[in-house]
Protein backbone atom coordinates (compact mmCIF):
# COMPACT_ATOMS: atom_id res chain seq x y z
CA MET A 1 -61.35 -23.44 -4.38
CA VAL A 2 -63.43 -22.78 -1.27
CA ASP A 3 -64.57 -25.85 0.68
CA SER A 4 -68.43 -25.96 0.93
CA LYS A 5 -68.31 -27.42 4.47
CA VAL A 6 -66.80 -24.31 6.00
CA ASN A 7 -70.09 -22.63 6.04
CA GLU A 8 -72.07 -25.39 7.58
CA THR A 9 -73.64 -24.84 10.98
CA TRP A 10 -73.19 -27.65 13.56
CA GLY A 11 -76.40 -29.18 14.89
CA MET A 12 -74.81 -30.77 17.91
CA VAL A 13 -71.89 -29.66 20.15
CA ILE A 14 -70.28 -32.40 22.27
CA GLU A 15 -68.83 -31.13 25.69
CA ARG A 16 -67.65 -32.92 28.55
CA GLN A 17 -69.89 -33.07 31.66
CA ARG A 18 -67.20 -32.70 34.42
CA ARG A 19 -64.02 -31.02 35.04
CA LEU A 20 -60.78 -32.95 34.77
CA LEU A 21 -60.37 -33.45 38.50
CA ASP A 22 -63.88 -33.58 39.46
CA ILE A 23 -63.82 -36.22 42.18
CA ASN A 24 -67.04 -37.90 43.62
CA VAL A 25 -66.23 -37.98 47.42
CA ARG A 26 -68.96 -40.65 47.97
CA GLU A 27 -67.45 -43.13 45.47
CA VAL A 28 -63.97 -42.55 47.06
CA ILE A 29 -65.24 -43.35 50.58
CA ARG A 30 -67.43 -46.27 49.23
CA TYR A 31 -64.42 -47.85 47.55
CA ARG A 32 -61.59 -46.77 50.06
CA ASP A 33 -60.60 -50.47 50.70
CA LEU A 34 -60.12 -51.14 46.95
CA ILE A 35 -58.23 -48.04 46.47
CA TRP A 36 -56.03 -48.84 49.47
CA LEU A 37 -55.31 -52.24 47.99
CA PHE A 38 -54.29 -50.79 44.72
CA VAL A 39 -52.04 -48.27 46.55
CA LYS A 40 -50.46 -50.87 48.76
CA ARG A 41 -49.90 -53.22 45.73
CA ASP A 42 -48.30 -50.61 43.71
CA PHE A 43 -46.16 -49.37 46.58
CA THR A 44 -44.93 -52.91 47.43
CA THR A 45 -44.20 -53.62 43.78
CA VAL A 46 -42.09 -50.55 43.30
CA TYR A 47 -39.94 -51.03 46.57
CA LYS A 48 -39.69 -54.74 46.70
């Protein structure tokens, strides 16, 4: 028995807009203090 959905054509294809490691440098610079606090918190938590 052949599934009838196999021959359907798709009306919409969903693709990602960015690459996996696409970093917005402006956002990194804008939130550098927050990023630094997170890194510092994680570092002190691991080595305390």
